[in-house]
N, C-alpha and C. Protein backbone atom coordinates (compact mmCIF):
# COMPACT_ATOMS: atom_id res chain seq x y z
N MET A 1 4.31 4.15 18.72
CA MET A 1 3.45 2.98 18.84
C MET A 1 3.88 2.11 20.01
N ILE A 2 2.93 1.50 20.67
CA ILE A 2 3.22 0.56 21.74
C ILE A 2 3.62 -0.78 21.11
N GLY A 3 4.52 -1.51 21.74
CA GLY A 3 4.99 -2.77 21.21
C GLY A 3 3.96 -3.88 21.29
N ASN A 4 4.37 -5.06 20.79
CA ASN A 4 3.52 -6.26 20.82
C ASN A 4 2.22 -6.07 20.05
N LYS A 5 2.28 -5.36 18.96
CA LYS A 5 1.10 -5.14 18.14
C LYS A 5 1.26 -5.83 16.79
N LYS A 6 0.12 -6.15 16.21
CA LYS A 6 0.08 -6.68 14.85
C LYS A 6 -0.25 -5.50 13.94
N VAL A 7 0.75 -5.07 13.19
CA VAL A 7 0.63 -3.83 12.43
C VAL A 7 0.69 -4.11 10.93
N GLY A 8 -0.36 -3.74 10.22
CA GLY A 8 -0.37 -3.84 8.77
C GLY A 8 0.29 -2.63 8.15
N ILE A 9 0.91 -2.83 7.01
CA ILE A 9 1.56 -1.75 6.27
C ILE A 9 1.01 -1.77 4.85
N ILE A 10 0.49 -0.65 4.39
CA ILE A 10 0.10 -0.53 3.00
C ILE A 10 0.78 0.71 2.44
N GLY A 11 1.65 0.50 1.48
CA GLY A 11 2.42 1.60 0.92
C GLY A 11 2.06 1.83 -0.54
N GLY A 12 2.50 2.95 -1.05
CA GLY A 12 2.25 3.28 -2.45
C GLY A 12 2.40 4.77 -2.67
N THR A 13 2.40 5.17 -3.92
CA THR A 13 2.48 6.60 -4.18
C THR A 13 1.18 7.29 -3.77
N PHE A 14 0.06 6.53 -3.76
CA PHE A 14 -1.25 7.10 -3.42
C PHE A 14 -1.47 8.37 -4.24
N ASN A 15 -1.49 8.18 -5.55
CA ASN A 15 -1.50 9.28 -6.51
C ASN A 15 -2.71 9.21 -7.45
N PRO A 16 -3.96 9.30 -6.92
CA PRO A 16 -4.32 9.51 -5.51
C PRO A 16 -4.71 8.21 -4.81
N ILE A 17 -4.88 8.27 -3.50
CA ILE A 17 -5.43 7.16 -2.74
C ILE A 17 -6.89 6.97 -3.15
N HIS A 18 -7.32 5.70 -3.25
CA HIS A 18 -8.69 5.44 -3.72
C HIS A 18 -9.37 4.35 -2.89
N MET A 19 -10.62 4.06 -3.23
CA MET A 19 -11.40 3.12 -2.45
C MET A 19 -10.80 1.71 -2.44
N GLY A 20 -10.12 1.34 -3.52
CA GLY A 20 -9.47 0.03 -3.57
C GLY A 20 -8.43 -0.13 -2.47
N HIS A 21 -7.63 0.92 -2.24
CA HIS A 21 -6.64 0.89 -1.15
C HIS A 21 -7.33 0.71 0.21
N LEU A 22 -8.40 1.47 0.41
CA LEU A 22 -9.09 1.47 1.70
C LEU A 22 -9.80 0.14 1.96
N ILE A 23 -10.43 -0.41 0.92
CA ILE A 23 -11.11 -1.70 1.07
C ILE A 23 -10.10 -2.80 1.36
N LEU A 24 -8.97 -2.79 0.66
CA LEU A 24 -7.92 -3.79 0.88
C LEU A 24 -7.40 -3.72 2.31
N ALA A 25 -7.13 -2.51 2.80
CA ALA A 25 -6.61 -2.35 4.16
C ALA A 25 -7.61 -2.82 5.20
N GLU A 26 -8.88 -2.45 5.01
CA GLU A 26 -9.91 -2.85 5.97
C GLU A 26 -10.10 -4.37 5.97
N ARG A 27 -10.06 -4.98 4.79
CA ARG A 27 -10.20 -6.44 4.71
C ARG A 27 -9.04 -7.13 5.43
N ALA A 28 -7.82 -6.63 5.23
CA ALA A 28 -6.65 -7.21 5.89
C ALA A 28 -6.76 -7.07 7.41
N TRP A 29 -7.17 -5.88 7.86
CA TRP A 29 -7.33 -5.62 9.29
C TRP A 29 -8.32 -6.61 9.90
N ASN A 30 -9.44 -6.80 9.23
CA ASN A 30 -10.50 -7.66 9.75
C ASN A 30 -10.13 -9.14 9.68
N GLU A 31 -9.58 -9.54 8.55
CA GLU A 31 -9.31 -10.96 8.32
C GLU A 31 -8.15 -11.48 9.18
N MET A 32 -7.15 -10.62 9.40
CA MET A 32 -5.95 -11.05 10.13
C MET A 32 -5.95 -10.61 11.59
N GLY A 33 -7.00 -9.90 12.02
CA GLY A 33 -7.07 -9.45 13.41
C GLY A 33 -5.95 -8.48 13.76
N LEU A 34 -5.66 -7.56 12.84
CA LEU A 34 -4.58 -6.60 13.07
C LEU A 34 -5.02 -5.51 14.04
N ASP A 35 -4.04 -4.92 14.71
CA ASP A 35 -4.33 -3.83 15.65
C ASP A 35 -4.40 -2.48 14.93
N GLU A 36 -3.63 -2.35 13.86
CA GLU A 36 -3.50 -1.05 13.22
C GLU A 36 -3.00 -1.25 11.79
N ILE A 37 -3.39 -0.33 10.92
CA ILE A 37 -2.86 -0.30 9.55
C ILE A 37 -2.13 1.02 9.34
N LEU A 38 -0.88 0.94 8.96
CA LEU A 38 -0.11 2.14 8.62
C LEU A 38 -0.16 2.38 7.12
N PHE A 39 -0.62 3.55 6.72
CA PHE A 39 -0.57 3.96 5.33
C PHE A 39 0.71 4.76 5.14
N ILE A 40 1.57 4.31 4.22
CA ILE A 40 2.88 4.92 4.05
C ILE A 40 3.05 5.42 2.62
N PRO A 41 2.80 6.71 2.39
CA PRO A 41 3.05 7.25 1.05
C PRO A 41 4.54 7.16 0.70
N THR A 42 4.80 6.73 -0.53
CA THR A 42 6.17 6.62 -1.00
C THR A 42 6.79 8.00 -1.17
N GLY A 43 8.06 8.12 -0.79
CA GLY A 43 8.77 9.37 -1.02
C GLY A 43 9.10 9.50 -2.49
N ILE A 44 10.12 8.78 -2.93
CA ILE A 44 10.51 8.74 -4.34
C ILE A 44 10.49 7.28 -4.78
N SER A 45 9.58 6.95 -5.68
CA SER A 45 9.48 5.58 -6.16
C SER A 45 10.38 5.39 -7.37
N TYR A 46 11.31 4.42 -7.28
CA TYR A 46 12.20 4.17 -8.40
C TYR A 46 11.51 3.39 -9.52
N PHE A 47 10.23 3.01 -9.30
CA PHE A 47 9.47 2.32 -10.33
C PHE A 47 8.56 3.27 -11.12
N LYS A 48 8.41 4.52 -10.66
CA LYS A 48 7.44 5.43 -11.27
C LYS A 48 8.15 6.63 -11.91
N ASP A 49 7.53 7.17 -12.97
CA ASP A 49 8.00 8.39 -13.59
C ASP A 49 7.66 9.56 -12.66
N PRO A 50 8.66 10.25 -12.11
CA PRO A 50 8.39 11.33 -11.15
C PRO A 50 7.55 12.47 -11.72
N ASN A 51 7.54 12.60 -13.05
CA ASN A 51 6.76 13.67 -13.67
C ASN A 51 5.26 13.41 -13.61
N THR A 52 4.87 12.17 -13.31
CA THR A 52 3.44 11.83 -13.24
C THR A 52 2.94 11.76 -11.80
N VAL A 53 3.82 12.01 -10.83
CA VAL A 53 3.47 11.85 -9.42
C VAL A 53 3.35 13.21 -8.74
N LEU A 54 2.27 13.40 -7.98
CA LEU A 54 2.10 14.64 -7.23
C LEU A 54 3.21 14.79 -6.19
N ASP A 55 3.44 16.02 -5.72
CA ASP A 55 4.46 16.26 -4.70
C ASP A 55 4.10 15.54 -3.39
N LYS A 56 5.11 15.31 -2.59
CA LYS A 56 4.95 14.55 -1.34
C LYS A 56 3.89 15.16 -0.42
N LYS A 57 3.97 16.48 -0.25
CA LYS A 57 3.07 17.15 0.69
C LYS A 57 1.61 16.94 0.30
N THR A 58 1.30 17.01 -0.99
CA THR A 58 -0.07 16.84 -1.45
C THR A 58 -0.54 15.41 -1.26
N ARG A 59 0.32 14.43 -1.58
CA ARG A 59 -0.06 13.02 -1.43
C ARG A 59 -0.25 12.65 0.05
N VAL A 60 0.56 13.22 0.91
CA VAL A 60 0.39 12.99 2.36
C VAL A 60 -0.95 13.57 2.82
N ALA A 61 -1.28 14.77 2.35
CA ALA A 61 -2.55 15.40 2.73
C ALA A 61 -3.74 14.58 2.24
N LEU A 62 -3.69 14.13 0.99
CA LEU A 62 -4.75 13.30 0.43
C LEU A 62 -4.94 12.02 1.24
N THR A 63 -3.83 11.39 1.59
CA THR A 63 -3.89 10.13 2.33
C THR A 63 -4.43 10.35 3.73
N GLY A 64 -3.92 11.38 4.41
CA GLY A 64 -4.38 11.66 5.77
C GLY A 64 -5.87 11.95 5.82
N ASP A 65 -6.36 12.72 4.85
CA ASP A 65 -7.79 13.05 4.81
C ASP A 65 -8.63 11.79 4.58
N ALA A 66 -8.16 10.91 3.68
CA ALA A 66 -8.94 9.73 3.30
C ALA A 66 -9.08 8.72 4.44
N ILE A 67 -8.07 8.64 5.30
CA ILE A 67 -8.11 7.63 6.37
C ILE A 67 -8.50 8.20 7.72
N GLY A 68 -8.74 9.52 7.77
CA GLY A 68 -8.93 10.21 9.04
C GLY A 68 -10.10 9.76 9.88
N ASP A 69 -11.13 9.17 9.24
CA ASP A 69 -12.31 8.77 10.01
C ASP A 69 -12.27 7.31 10.45
N ASN A 70 -11.14 6.63 10.23
CA ASN A 70 -11.02 5.23 10.63
C ASN A 70 -10.05 5.12 11.81
N PRO A 71 -10.52 4.71 12.99
CA PRO A 71 -9.66 4.71 14.18
C PRO A 71 -8.50 3.71 14.14
N HIS A 72 -8.57 2.70 13.29
CA HIS A 72 -7.44 1.76 13.24
C HIS A 72 -6.57 1.97 12.00
N PHE A 73 -6.77 3.08 11.30
CA PHE A 73 -5.87 3.49 10.23
C PHE A 73 -5.00 4.63 10.75
N ALA A 74 -3.72 4.63 10.36
CA ALA A 74 -2.80 5.70 10.76
C ALA A 74 -1.89 6.05 9.59
N LEU A 75 -1.45 7.29 9.57
CA LEU A 75 -0.56 7.79 8.53
C LEU A 75 0.87 7.79 9.04
N SER A 76 1.78 7.28 8.20
CA SER A 76 3.21 7.34 8.52
C SER A 76 3.93 8.08 7.40
N THR A 77 4.77 9.04 7.77
CA THR A 77 5.56 9.78 6.78
C THR A 77 7.01 9.30 6.76
N ILE A 78 7.22 8.08 7.20
CA ILE A 78 8.57 7.53 7.32
C ILE A 78 9.32 7.55 5.99
N GLU A 79 8.62 7.35 4.88
CA GLU A 79 9.30 7.33 3.58
C GLU A 79 9.44 8.71 2.97
N VAL A 80 8.43 9.56 3.11
CA VAL A 80 8.55 10.91 2.54
C VAL A 80 9.56 11.75 3.32
N ASP A 81 9.81 11.37 4.57
CA ASP A 81 10.78 12.10 5.39
C ASP A 81 12.22 11.65 5.12
N ARG A 82 12.36 10.50 4.47
CA ARG A 82 13.69 9.94 4.23
C ARG A 82 14.18 10.38 2.85
N PRO A 83 15.40 10.90 2.74
CA PRO A 83 15.90 11.35 1.43
C PRO A 83 16.18 10.17 0.50
N GLY A 84 16.18 10.46 -0.79
CA GLY A 84 16.49 9.44 -1.78
C GLY A 84 15.33 8.53 -2.10
N ASN A 85 15.60 7.47 -2.86
CA ASN A 85 14.57 6.52 -3.23
C ASN A 85 13.96 5.84 -2.01
N SER A 86 12.70 5.46 -2.13
CA SER A 86 12.02 4.75 -1.05
C SER A 86 12.16 3.25 -1.27
N TYR A 87 12.73 2.57 -0.29
CA TYR A 87 12.90 1.12 -0.36
C TYR A 87 12.15 0.47 0.79
N THR A 88 11.33 -0.51 0.47
CA THR A 88 10.51 -1.18 1.48
C THR A 88 11.36 -1.83 2.55
N TYR A 89 12.49 -2.41 2.18
CA TYR A 89 13.32 -3.08 3.17
C TYR A 89 13.83 -2.10 4.22
N GLU A 90 14.15 -0.86 3.79
CA GLU A 90 14.62 0.16 4.75
C GLU A 90 13.50 0.57 5.69
N THR A 91 12.30 0.70 5.14
CA THR A 91 11.15 1.06 5.96
C THR A 91 10.89 0.00 7.03
N LEU A 92 10.93 -1.25 6.62
CA LEU A 92 10.70 -2.34 7.58
C LEU A 92 11.80 -2.38 8.64
N GLU A 93 13.04 -2.20 8.23
CA GLU A 93 14.14 -2.20 9.20
C GLU A 93 13.98 -1.08 10.22
N GLU A 94 13.56 0.09 9.74
CA GLU A 94 13.37 1.24 10.63
C GLU A 94 12.22 0.99 11.61
N LEU A 95 11.12 0.46 11.08
CA LEU A 95 9.97 0.17 11.94
C LEU A 95 10.32 -0.90 12.98
N LYS A 96 11.05 -1.93 12.55
CA LYS A 96 11.44 -3.01 13.48
C LYS A 96 12.39 -2.49 14.55
N LYS A 97 13.24 -1.55 14.17
CA LYS A 97 14.18 -0.98 15.13
C LYS A 97 13.44 -0.17 16.19
N GLU A 98 12.40 0.58 15.74
CA GLU A 98 11.62 1.39 16.67
C GLU A 98 10.76 0.54 17.59
N ASN A 99 10.20 -0.54 17.06
CA ASN A 99 9.28 -1.41 17.82
C ASN A 99 9.59 -2.87 17.53
N PRO A 100 10.68 -3.40 18.11
CA PRO A 100 11.11 -4.76 17.79
C PRO A 100 10.12 -5.85 18.18
N SER A 101 9.19 -5.55 19.08
CA SER A 101 8.24 -6.59 19.51
C SER A 101 6.97 -6.62 18.65
N ASN A 102 6.83 -5.64 17.74
CA ASN A 102 5.68 -5.65 16.84
C ASN A 102 5.86 -6.68 15.73
N THR A 103 4.75 -7.21 15.24
CA THR A 103 4.77 -8.06 14.05
C THR A 103 4.18 -7.24 12.91
N TYR A 104 4.91 -7.18 11.79
CA TYR A 104 4.48 -6.35 10.67
C TYR A 104 3.96 -7.20 9.51
N TYR A 105 2.87 -6.74 8.93
CA TYR A 105 2.21 -7.43 7.82
C TYR A 105 2.21 -6.49 6.62
N LEU A 106 2.90 -6.87 5.55
CA LEU A 106 2.95 -6.05 4.35
C LEU A 106 1.78 -6.42 3.44
N ILE A 107 0.89 -5.46 3.21
CA ILE A 107 -0.33 -5.69 2.43
C ILE A 107 -0.08 -5.27 0.99
N VAL A 108 -0.25 -6.23 0.06
CA VAL A 108 0.07 -5.96 -1.34
C VAL A 108 -0.97 -6.59 -2.26
N GLY A 109 -0.97 -6.15 -3.51
CA GLY A 109 -1.74 -6.84 -4.53
C GLY A 109 -0.99 -8.09 -4.95
N ALA A 110 -1.70 -9.07 -5.45
CA ALA A 110 -1.06 -10.33 -5.82
C ALA A 110 0.04 -10.15 -6.85
N ASP A 111 -0.08 -9.13 -7.70
CA ASP A 111 0.95 -8.91 -8.72
C ASP A 111 2.31 -8.66 -8.09
N THR A 112 2.31 -8.14 -6.87
CA THR A 112 3.58 -7.87 -6.18
C THR A 112 4.36 -9.16 -5.92
N LEU A 113 3.65 -10.26 -5.68
CA LEU A 113 4.36 -11.53 -5.44
C LEU A 113 5.21 -11.91 -6.65
N PHE A 114 4.75 -11.51 -7.84
CA PHE A 114 5.48 -11.85 -9.06
C PHE A 114 6.56 -10.82 -9.38
N GLN A 115 6.61 -9.73 -8.62
CA GLN A 115 7.59 -8.66 -8.86
C GLN A 115 8.58 -8.48 -7.71
N ILE A 116 8.26 -9.02 -6.55
CA ILE A 116 9.00 -8.66 -5.34
C ILE A 116 10.47 -9.02 -5.39
N GLU A 117 10.82 -10.03 -6.19
CA GLU A 117 12.24 -10.39 -6.28
C GLU A 117 13.05 -9.35 -7.05
N SER A 118 12.36 -8.44 -7.76
CA SER A 118 13.06 -7.35 -8.45
C SER A 118 13.23 -6.14 -7.54
N TRP A 119 12.60 -6.19 -6.35
CA TRP A 119 12.75 -5.11 -5.39
C TRP A 119 14.13 -5.20 -4.74
N LYS A 120 14.56 -4.12 -4.13
CA LYS A 120 15.87 -4.11 -3.46
C LYS A 120 15.79 -4.95 -2.18
N ASN A 121 16.71 -5.89 -2.04
CA ASN A 121 16.82 -6.76 -0.87
C ASN A 121 15.51 -7.47 -0.50
N PRO A 122 14.96 -8.27 -1.42
CA PRO A 122 13.71 -8.97 -1.11
C PRO A 122 13.85 -9.96 0.04
N ASP A 123 15.07 -10.46 0.27
CA ASP A 123 15.28 -11.40 1.36
C ASP A 123 15.04 -10.73 2.72
N ILE A 124 15.44 -9.45 2.84
CA ILE A 124 15.22 -8.72 4.09
C ILE A 124 13.73 -8.45 4.28
N ILE A 125 13.06 -8.08 3.18
CA ILE A 125 11.62 -7.82 3.27
C ILE A 125 10.89 -9.05 3.80
N MET A 126 11.19 -10.20 3.24
CA MET A 126 10.47 -11.42 3.62
C MET A 126 10.89 -11.97 4.98
N LYS A 127 12.04 -11.50 5.46
CA LYS A 127 12.47 -11.87 6.81
C LYS A 127 11.77 -11.02 7.86
N ASP A 128 11.52 -9.75 7.52
CA ASP A 128 11.05 -8.77 8.51
C ASP A 128 9.54 -8.64 8.60
N CYS A 129 8.78 -9.33 7.73
CA CYS A 129 7.33 -9.18 7.79
C CYS A 129 6.62 -10.42 7.27
N ILE A 130 5.33 -10.47 7.52
CA ILE A 130 4.44 -11.44 6.92
C ILE A 130 3.76 -10.73 5.76
N ILE A 131 3.69 -11.37 4.61
CA ILE A 131 3.10 -10.75 3.43
C ILE A 131 1.64 -11.19 3.28
N LEU A 132 0.78 -10.21 3.08
CA LEU A 132 -0.64 -10.46 2.82
C LEU A 132 -0.93 -10.04 1.40
N ALA A 133 -1.28 -10.98 0.54
CA ALA A 133 -1.49 -10.69 -0.87
C ALA A 133 -2.96 -10.84 -1.24
N ALA A 134 -3.49 -9.85 -1.96
CA ALA A 134 -4.87 -9.89 -2.41
C ALA A 134 -4.90 -10.21 -3.90
N VAL A 135 -5.84 -11.04 -4.29
CA VAL A 135 -5.96 -11.42 -5.70
C VAL A 135 -6.23 -10.19 -6.55
N ARG A 136 -5.50 -10.09 -7.66
CA ARG A 136 -5.67 -8.98 -8.60
C ARG A 136 -6.07 -9.52 -9.96
N LYS A 137 -6.63 -8.66 -10.78
CA LYS A 137 -7.04 -9.05 -12.11
C LYS A 137 -5.86 -9.60 -12.90
N GLY A 138 -6.07 -10.72 -13.57
CA GLY A 138 -5.01 -11.29 -14.40
C GLY A 138 -4.27 -12.43 -13.73
N GLN A 139 -4.48 -12.64 -12.43
CA GLN A 139 -3.84 -13.76 -11.73
C GLN A 139 -4.89 -14.72 -11.19
N SER A 140 -4.69 -15.98 -11.46
CA SER A 140 -5.60 -16.98 -10.90
C SER A 140 -5.11 -17.39 -9.52
N LEU A 141 -6.01 -17.97 -8.75
CA LEU A 141 -5.65 -18.42 -7.41
C LEU A 141 -4.60 -19.53 -7.48
N ASP A 142 -4.68 -20.36 -8.51
CA ASP A 142 -3.70 -21.44 -8.69
C ASP A 142 -2.30 -20.87 -8.93
N GLU A 143 -2.21 -19.86 -9.82
CA GLU A 143 -0.92 -19.23 -10.11
C GLU A 143 -0.35 -18.60 -8.84
N LEU A 144 -1.23 -17.98 -8.09
CA LEU A 144 -0.84 -17.30 -6.86
C LEU A 144 -0.31 -18.29 -5.83
N SER A 145 -0.99 -19.41 -5.71
CA SER A 145 -0.60 -20.45 -4.75
C SER A 145 0.77 -21.03 -5.09
N VAL A 146 1.02 -21.24 -6.38
CA VAL A 146 2.32 -21.76 -6.82
C VAL A 146 3.43 -20.77 -6.48
N LYS A 147 3.19 -19.47 -6.76
CA LYS A 147 4.19 -18.44 -6.48
C LYS A 147 4.41 -18.30 -4.98
N LYS A 148 3.35 -18.38 -4.22
CA LYS A 148 3.43 -18.31 -2.76
C LYS A 148 4.35 -19.41 -2.23
N GLU A 149 4.11 -20.63 -2.67
CA GLU A 149 4.93 -21.77 -2.21
C GLU A 149 6.38 -21.62 -2.63
N GLU A 150 6.59 -21.11 -3.84
CA GLU A 150 7.95 -20.91 -4.35
C GLU A 150 8.72 -19.92 -3.49
N LEU A 151 8.09 -18.77 -3.17
CA LEU A 151 8.76 -17.75 -2.36
C LEU A 151 8.96 -18.22 -0.93
N GLU A 152 7.98 -18.93 -0.38
CA GLU A 152 8.10 -19.43 0.99
C GLU A 152 9.27 -20.41 1.11
N LYS A 153 9.42 -21.23 0.10
CA LYS A 153 10.51 -22.22 0.13
C LYS A 153 11.87 -21.54 -0.06
N LYS A 154 11.94 -20.60 -1.00
CA LYS A 154 13.21 -19.95 -1.34
C LYS A 154 13.70 -19.01 -0.24
N TYR A 155 12.76 -18.26 0.39
CA TYR A 155 13.15 -17.22 1.35
C TYR A 155 12.72 -17.52 2.78
N ASP A 156 12.13 -18.69 3.02
CA ASP A 156 11.55 -19.00 4.32
C ASP A 156 10.54 -17.92 4.71
N ALA A 157 9.77 -17.51 3.70
CA ALA A 157 8.81 -16.41 3.88
C ALA A 157 7.50 -16.92 4.47
N HIS A 158 6.71 -15.97 4.97
CA HIS A 158 5.36 -16.27 5.46
C HIS A 158 4.40 -15.41 4.65
N ILE A 159 3.56 -16.06 3.85
CA ILE A 159 2.67 -15.36 2.94
C ILE A 159 1.25 -15.88 3.10
N ASN A 160 0.30 -14.97 3.24
CA ASN A 160 -1.13 -15.34 3.31
C ASN A 160 -1.86 -14.70 2.14
N ILE A 161 -2.81 -15.44 1.58
CA ILE A 161 -3.64 -14.90 0.51
C ILE A 161 -4.94 -14.39 1.13
N LEU A 162 -5.26 -13.13 0.89
CA LEU A 162 -6.48 -12.54 1.43
C LEU A 162 -7.67 -12.92 0.55
N SER A 163 -8.75 -13.30 1.19
CA SER A 163 -9.97 -13.63 0.44
C SER A 163 -10.76 -12.36 0.20
N MET A 164 -10.40 -11.69 -0.88
CA MET A 164 -10.99 -10.39 -1.16
C MET A 164 -11.46 -10.32 -2.61
N PRO A 165 -12.66 -9.79 -2.85
CA PRO A 165 -13.11 -9.62 -4.23
C PRO A 165 -12.25 -8.61 -4.96
N TYR A 166 -12.08 -8.80 -6.26
CA TYR A 166 -11.28 -7.87 -7.05
C TYR A 166 -12.00 -6.54 -7.20
N VAL A 167 -11.30 -5.46 -6.88
CA VAL A 167 -11.87 -4.11 -7.00
C VAL A 167 -11.17 -3.42 -8.17
N ASP A 168 -11.92 -3.16 -9.22
CA ASP A 168 -11.33 -2.64 -10.46
C ASP A 168 -11.22 -1.12 -10.43
N ILE A 169 -10.34 -0.62 -9.56
CA ILE A 169 -10.07 0.81 -9.47
C ILE A 169 -8.55 0.99 -9.47
N SER A 170 -8.07 1.94 -10.24
CA SER A 170 -6.63 2.23 -10.23
C SER A 170 -6.41 3.74 -10.23
N SER A 171 -5.30 4.14 -9.65
CA SER A 171 -4.96 5.57 -9.62
C SER A 171 -4.76 6.10 -11.04
N THR A 172 -4.19 5.27 -11.91
CA THR A 172 -3.98 5.68 -13.30
C THR A 172 -5.31 6.01 -13.97
N ASP A 173 -6.29 5.13 -13.80
CA ASP A 173 -7.61 5.36 -14.40
C ASP A 173 -8.25 6.63 -13.84
N ILE A 174 -8.10 6.83 -12.54
CA ILE A 174 -8.66 8.02 -11.91
C ILE A 174 -8.05 9.29 -12.51
N ARG A 175 -6.74 9.31 -12.65
CA ARG A 175 -6.06 10.49 -13.22
C ARG A 175 -6.53 10.74 -14.66
N GLU A 176 -6.66 9.65 -15.43
CA GLU A 176 -7.09 9.79 -16.82
C GLU A 176 -8.53 10.28 -16.91
N ARG A 177 -9.39 9.81 -16.01
CA ARG A 177 -10.78 10.25 -16.00
C ARG A 177 -10.89 11.73 -15.65
N ILE A 178 -10.11 12.17 -14.68
CA ILE A 178 -10.12 13.59 -14.31
C ILE A 178 -9.67 14.44 -15.48
N ALA A 179 -8.59 14.03 -16.13
CA ALA A 179 -8.05 14.79 -17.26
C ALA A 179 -9.06 14.89 -18.41
N ALA A 180 -9.90 13.84 -18.52
CA ALA A 180 -10.91 13.81 -19.59
C ALA A 180 -12.23 14.44 -19.16
N GLY A 181 -12.28 14.96 -17.92
CA GLY A 181 -13.49 15.61 -17.43
C GLY A 181 -14.59 14.64 -17.04
N LYS A 182 -14.21 13.39 -16.73
CA LYS A 182 -15.19 12.37 -16.35
C LYS A 182 -15.29 12.26 -14.83
N SER A 183 -16.39 11.68 -14.36
CA SER A 183 -16.63 11.55 -12.93
C SER A 183 -15.75 10.46 -12.30
N ILE A 184 -15.29 10.73 -11.09
CA ILE A 184 -14.59 9.71 -10.31
C ILE A 184 -15.34 9.45 -8.99
N ARG A 185 -16.57 9.92 -8.93
CA ARG A 185 -17.37 9.70 -7.72
C ARG A 185 -17.49 8.20 -7.45
N TYR A 186 -17.40 7.83 -6.19
CA TYR A 186 -17.45 6.45 -5.68
C TYR A 186 -16.16 5.66 -5.96
N MET A 187 -15.21 6.26 -6.67
CA MET A 187 -13.90 5.63 -6.84
C MET A 187 -12.96 6.09 -5.73
N VAL A 188 -13.25 7.28 -5.18
CA VAL A 188 -12.47 7.83 -4.08
C VAL A 188 -13.42 8.31 -2.99
N LYS A 189 -12.87 8.55 -1.80
CA LYS A 189 -13.70 9.11 -0.72
C LYS A 189 -14.17 10.51 -1.12
N ASP A 190 -15.31 10.93 -0.58
CA ASP A 190 -15.83 12.27 -0.88
C ASP A 190 -14.81 13.35 -0.52
N VAL A 191 -14.11 13.15 0.60
CA VAL A 191 -13.14 14.15 1.04
C VAL A 191 -11.98 14.24 0.04
N THR A 192 -11.63 13.10 -0.58
CA THR A 192 -10.58 13.09 -1.61
C THR A 192 -11.04 13.82 -2.85
N LEU A 193 -12.27 13.55 -3.26
CA LEU A 193 -12.85 14.20 -4.42
C LEU A 193 -12.88 15.72 -4.22
N GLU A 194 -13.29 16.14 -3.04
CA GLU A 194 -13.37 17.57 -2.74
C GLU A 194 -11.98 18.23 -2.80
N TYR A 195 -10.97 17.53 -2.27
CA TYR A 195 -9.61 18.07 -2.28
C TYR A 195 -9.10 18.20 -3.72
N ILE A 196 -9.33 17.18 -4.52
CA ILE A 196 -8.87 17.19 -5.91
C ILE A 196 -9.53 18.33 -6.68
N GLU A 197 -10.85 18.50 -6.48
CA GLU A 197 -11.56 19.56 -7.19
C GLU A 197 -11.15 20.94 -6.71
N LYS A 198 -10.97 21.08 -5.40
CA LYS A 198 -10.60 22.38 -4.83
C LYS A 198 -9.25 22.85 -5.35
N HIS A 199 -8.30 21.91 -5.48
CA HIS A 199 -6.93 22.28 -5.87
C HIS A 199 -6.66 22.05 -7.36
N GLY A 200 -7.69 21.62 -8.10
CA GLY A 200 -7.52 21.45 -9.55
C GLY A 200 -6.47 20.42 -9.93
N LEU A 201 -6.39 19.34 -9.16
CA LEU A 201 -5.36 18.32 -9.41
C LEU A 201 -5.68 17.49 -10.65
N TYR A 202 -4.62 17.06 -11.33
CA TYR A 202 -4.69 16.14 -12.48
C TYR A 202 -5.41 16.72 -13.69
N ARG A 203 -5.61 18.01 -13.73
CA ARG A 203 -6.30 18.60 -14.88
C ARG A 203 -5.38 18.65 -16.10
């Protein structure tokens, strides 16, 4: 990547990637005037049961296919290529080392603001990026604003709330619907649906 860019980061197991992820990334890109959004599939998530997560190669393929038609979306395998658990602070440090003049924006659901202090080295995360949080079901804007101010004061963080409608789609629901033989059309990109059906995933 060329330096001096405003780069959004959206990470996750993407098990599978769905329209909610894509809408969130596009909204962040548009609202914040970002140059690029990096989609970073998690290698090994210490928050997830590994028995419920597809292998790295398949999740990378699903993610790459889903974002392939968007010129300002890009795939990064920085976490799946790194051994051991995936830690956001390490990813940010690596990205900053490669491109120190870039500004990084971590795109998350609002629930992450209430969990981020349980992540490894949250102080480094909030030092190395600007956080963009989207409202999620179960959190009011008032609650979010209070938490935003608390984290900004405690960590000298920079946090923006994205004005985005709540999209009620989750990877868990998608997996459960597939297992039950129900449709997931319009919850994922057509190319994602085709890949899942072709390879018999989540059956």
